[in-house]
Amino acid sequence: MSRTLRAGVTYFALVFGAGFLLGMVRVPLLVPRLGERWAELAEMPVMAAVIVLAAGHVLRRFPEVRTRTQSAAVGLVALCLLVSVELSLTLLLQDRSLGDYVASRDPVSGSVYVALLLVYAAMPWLCNR
């Protein structure tokens, strides 16, 4: 496996793992008290910090991906993995179509989530500058 691919998989694993753990707190503890929108919005600054820390860690761990092209590729690999895994898990565990899933997303927290995905994809490149 190429270093860029390994770095992308590592970045994905760090961020996905943190998101999974935070979700285990958010769903049972925050959603009943704050509602879905506010619970998701409360989690996003923490995930943004995780993204920055994970991107920095990956760039230190894989110094050979510190070119502009390779660091951008790391973010794209990680984004593809994250979206694929999240959609697969959502569709399998919730037994609904992709259209139903997209339609069920809160417009506010869903929009912030999409923006955070773009930050996630760009962060290795941004940290490398």
C-alpha atoms as a PDB file:
ATOM      1  CA  MET A   1       0.000   0.000   0.000  1.00  0.00           C
ATOM      2  CA  SER A   2       1.384   3.416  -0.892  1.00  0.00           C
ATOM      3  CA  ARG A   3       2.330   5.863   1.834  1.00  0.00           C
ATOM      4  CA  THR A   4      -0.357   8.297   0.693  1.00  0.00           C
ATOM      5  CA  LEU A   5      -3.028   5.626   0.936  1.00  0.00           C
ATOM      6  CA  ARG A   6      -1.769   4.486   4.348  1.00  0.00           C
ATOM      7  CA  ALA A   7      -1.745   8.081   5.584  1.00  0.00           C
ATOM      8  CA  GLY A   8      -5.308   8.586   4.298  1.00  0.00           C
ATOM      9  CA  VAL A   9      -6.511   5.411   5.983  1.00  0.00           C
ATOM     10  CA  THR A  10      -4.820   6.443   9.238  1.00  0.00           C
ATOM     11  CA  TYR A  11      -6.384   9.907   9.090  1.00  0.00           C
ATOM     12  CA  PHE A  12      -9.798   8.371   8.384  1.00  0.00           C
ATOM     13  CA  ALA A  13      -9.441   5.865  11.240  1.00  0.00           C
ATOM     14  CA  LEU A  14      -8.491   8.538  13.770  1.00  0.00           C
ATOM     15  CA  VAL A  15     -11.344  10.864  12.875  1.00  0.00           C
ATOM     16  CA  PHE A  16     -13.946   8.132  12.389  1.00  0.00           C
ATOM     17  CA  GLY A  17     -12.980   6.502  15.685  1.00  0.00           C
ATOM     18  CA  ALA A  18     -13.286   9.787  17.556  1.00  0.00           C
ATOM     19  CA  GLY A  19     -16.617  10.502  15.869  1.00  0.00           C
ATOM     20  CA  PHE A  20     -17.889   7.053  16.778  1.00  0.00           C
ATOM     21  CA  LEU A  21     -16.931   7.555  20.430  1.00  0.00           C
ATOM     22  CA  LEU A  22     -18.469  11.023  20.516  1.00  0.00           C
ATOM     23  CA  GLY A  23     -21.630   9.630  18.947  1.00  0.00           C
ATOM     24  CA  MET A  24     -21.864   7.133  21.801  1.00  0.00           C
ATOM     25  CA  VAL A  25     -22.055  10.125  24.143  1.00  0.00           C
ATOM     26  CA  ARG A  26     -24.138  12.420  21.930  1.00  0.00           C
ATOM     27  CA  VAL A  27     -27.003  10.069  21.135  1.00  0.00           C
ATOM     28  CA  PRO A  28     -27.931   8.820  24.626  1.00  0.00           C
ATOM     29  CA  LEU A  29     -26.915  11.890  26.638  1.00  0.00           C
ATOM     30  CA  LEU A  30     -27.226  15.032  24.514  1.00  0.00           C
ATOM     31  CA  VAL A  31     -30.000  14.266  22.018  1.00  0.00           C
ATOM     32  CA  PRO A  32     -32.701  13.683  24.681  1.00  0.00           C
ATOM     33  CA  ARG A  33     -31.758  16.928  26.456  1.00  0.00           C
ATOM     34  CA  LEU A  34     -30.926  19.237  23.542  1.00  0.00           C
ATOM     35  CA  GLY A  35     -32.570  17.667  20.507  1.00  0.00           C
ATOM     36  CA  GLU A  36     -30.869  16.296  17.421  1.00  0.00           C
ATOM     37  CA  ARG A  37     -29.865  19.650  15.892  1.00  0.00           C
ATOM     38  CA  TRP A  38     -28.245  21.154  18.980  1.00  0.00           C
ATOM     39  CA  ALA A  39     -26.577  17.902  19.990  1.00  0.00           C
ATOM     40  CA  GLU A  40     -24.972  17.598  16.547  1.00  0.00           C
ATOM     41  CA  LEU A  41     -23.954  21.257  16.556  1.00  0.00           C
ATOM     42  CA  ALA A  42     -22.422  20.877  20.036  1.00  0.00           C
ATOM     43  CA  GLU A  43     -20.313  17.967  18.797  1.00  0.00           C
ATOM     44  CA  MET A  44     -18.937  19.778  15.744  1.00  0.00           C
ATOM     45  CA  PRO A  45     -16.327  22.012  17.452  1.00  0.00           C
ATOM     46  CA  VAL A  46     -14.919  18.934  19.162  1.00  0.00           C
ATOM     47  CA  MET A  47     -14.761  17.123  15.829  1.00  0.00           C
ATOM     48  CA  ALA A  48     -13.083  20.150  14.242  1.00  0.00           C
ATOM     49  CA  ALA A  49     -10.372  19.962  16.912  1.00  0.00           C
ATOM     50  CA  VAL A  50     -10.026  16.206  16.318  1.00  0.00           C
ATOM     51  CA  ILE A  51      -9.624  16.854  12.591  1.00  0.00           C
ATOM     52  CA  VAL A  52      -6.829  19.373  13.142  1.00  0.00           C
ATOM     53  CA  LEU A  53      -5.022  17.114  15.620  1.00  0.00           C
ATOM     54  CA  ALA A  54      -5.410  14.016  13.423  1.00  0.00           C
ATOM     55  CA  ALA A  55      -4.150  15.823  10.312  1.00  0.00           C
ATOM     56  CA  GLY A  56      -1.101  17.094  12.215  1.00  0.00           C
ATOM     57  CA  HIS A  57      -0.417  13.623  13.593  1.00  0.00           C
ATOM     58  CA  VAL A  58      -0.636  12.017  10.148  1.00  0.00           C
ATOM     59  CA  LEU A  59       1.723  14.586   8.646  1.00  0.00           C
ATOM     60  CA  ARG A  60       4.255  13.938  11.424  1.00  0.00           C
ATOM     61  CA  ARG A  61       3.854  10.164  11.165  1.00  0.00           C
ATOM     62  CA  PHE A  62       4.128  10.140   7.359  1.00  0.00           C
ATOM     63  CA  PRO A  63       6.608  12.910   6.481  1.00  0.00           C
ATOM     64  CA  GLU A  64       6.846  11.666   2.892  1.00  0.00           C
ATOM     65  CA  VAL A  65       3.271  12.886   2.216  1.00  0.00           C
ATOM     66  CA  ARG A  66       4.194  16.472   2.982  1.00  0.00           C
ATOM     67  CA  THR A  67       4.049  17.613  -0.621  1.00  0.00           C
ATOM     68  CA  ARG A  68       1.046  19.679  -1.641  1.00  0.00           C
ATOM     69  CA  THR A  69      -0.258  16.999  -3.974  1.00  0.00           C
ATOM     70  CA  GLN A  70       0.169  14.102  -1.580  1.00  0.00           C
ATOM     71  CA  SER A  71      -1.255  15.914   1.440  1.00  0.00           C
ATOM     72  CA  ALA A  72      -4.294  16.854  -0.659  1.00  0.00           C
ATOM     73  CA  ALA A  73      -4.589  13.218  -1.747  1.00  0.00           C
ATOM     74  CA  VAL A  74      -4.496  12.102   1.902  1.00  0.00           C
ATOM     75  CA  GLY A  75      -7.524  14.289   2.605  1.00  0.00           C
ATOM     76  CA  LEU A  76      -9.389  13.016  -0.448  1.00  0.00           C
ATOM     77  CA  VAL A  77      -8.693   9.369   0.408  1.00  0.00           C
ATOM     78  CA  ALA A  78      -9.918   9.950   3.953  1.00  0.00           C
ATOM     79  CA  LEU A  79     -13.024  11.806   2.737  1.00  0.00           C
ATOM     80  CA  CYS A  80     -13.945   9.005   0.328  1.00  0.00           C
ATOM     81  CA  LEU A  81     -13.531   6.422   3.076  1.00  0.00           C
ATOM     82  CA  LEU A  82     -15.510   8.448   5.610  1.00  0.00           C
ATOM     83  CA  VAL A  83     -18.441   9.132   3.312  1.00  0.00           C
ATOM     84  CA  SER A  84     -18.491   5.520   2.082  1.00  0.00           C
ATOM     85  CA  VAL A  85     -18.436   4.026   5.556  1.00  0.00           C
ATOM     86  CA  GLU A  86     -20.960   6.467   7.030  1.00  0.00           C
ATOM     87  CA  LEU A  87     -23.422   5.999   4.186  1.00  0.00           C
ATOM     88  CA  SER A  88     -22.984   2.222   4.218  1.00  0.00           C
ATOM     89  CA  LEU A  89     -23.544   1.998   7.959  1.00  0.00           C
ATOM     90  CA  THR A  90     -26.502   4.359   7.807  1.00  0.00           C
ATOM     91  CA  LEU A  91     -28.161   2.492   4.972  1.00  0.00           C
ATOM     92  CA  LEU A  92     -27.514  -0.940   6.483  1.00  0.00           C
ATOM     93  CA  LEU A  93     -28.347  -0.184  10.106  1.00  0.00           C
ATOM     94  CA  GLN A  94     -31.298   2.112   9.511  1.00  0.00           C
ATOM     95  CA  ASP A  95     -32.717   0.171   6.549  1.00  0.00           C
ATOM     96  CA  ARG A  96     -33.683   3.194   4.478  1.00  0.00           C
ATOM     97  CA  SER A  97     -32.784   4.607   1.113  1.00  0.00           C
ATOM     98  CA  LEU A  98     -30.141   7.223   0.448  1.00  0.00           C
ATOM     99  CA  GLY A  99     -32.875   9.703  -0.497  1.00  0.00           C
ATOM    100  CA  ASP A 100     -34.690   9.108   2.794  1.00  0.00           C
ATOM    101  CA  TYR A 101     -31.458   9.577   4.726  1.00  0.00           C
ATOM    102  CA  VAL A 102     -30.583  12.861   3.002  1.00  0.00           C
ATOM    103  CA  ALA A 103     -34.145  14.150   3.411  1.00  0.00           C
ATOM    104  CA  SER A 104     -34.114  13.305   7.117  1.00  0.00           C
ATOM    105  CA  ARG A 105     -31.009  15.402   7.843  1.00  0.00           C
ATOM    106  CA  ASP A 106     -31.554  18.627   9.740  1.00  0.00           C
ATOM    107  CA  PRO A 107     -30.958  21.534   7.330  1.00  0.00           C
ATOM    108  CA  VAL A 108     -28.839  23.504   9.805  1.00  0.00           C
ATOM    109  CA  SER A 109     -26.678  20.790  11.359  1.00  0.00           C
ATOM    110  CA  GLY A 110     -26.570  18.949   8.025  1.00  0.00           C
ATOM    111  CA  SER A 111     -25.173  22.031   6.288  1.00  0.00           C
ATOM    112  CA  VAL A 112     -22.559  22.514   8.996  1.00  0.00           C
ATOM    113  CA  TYR A 113     -21.705  18.816   8.696  1.00  0.00           C
ATOM    114  CA  VAL A 114     -21.095  19.155   4.944  1.00  0.00           C
ATOM    115  CA  ALA A 115     -18.890  22.200   5.581  1.00  0.00           C
ATOM    116  CA  LEU A 116     -16.956  20.206   8.193  1.00  0.00           C
ATOM    117  CA  LEU A 117     -16.482  17.390   5.662  1.00  0.00           C
ATOM    118  CA  LEU A 118     -14.868  19.885   3.307  1.00  0.00           C
ATOM    119  CA  VAL A 119     -12.607  21.100   6.118  1.00  0.00           C
ATOM    120  CA  TYR A 120     -11.785  17.459   6.894  1.00  0.00           C
ATOM    121  CA  ALA A 121     -10.757  16.818   3.285  1.00  0.00           C
ATOM    122  CA  ALA A 122      -8.651  19.982   3.120  1.00  0.00           C
ATOM    123  CA  MET A 123      -7.009  19.827   6.559  1.00  0.00           C
ATOM    124  CA  PRO A 124      -3.927  17.729   5.672  1.00  0.00           C
ATOM    125  CA  TRP A 125      -3.197  20.162   2.849  1.00  0.00           C
ATOM    126  CA  LEU A 126      -3.892  23.186   5.094  1.00  0.00           C
ATOM    127  CA  CYS A 127      -1.707  21.847   7.926  1.00  0.00           C
ATOM    128  CA  ASN A 128       1.081  21.206   5.434  1.00  0.00           C
ATOM    129  CA  ARG A 129       1.299  24.826   4.294  1.00  0.00           C
END
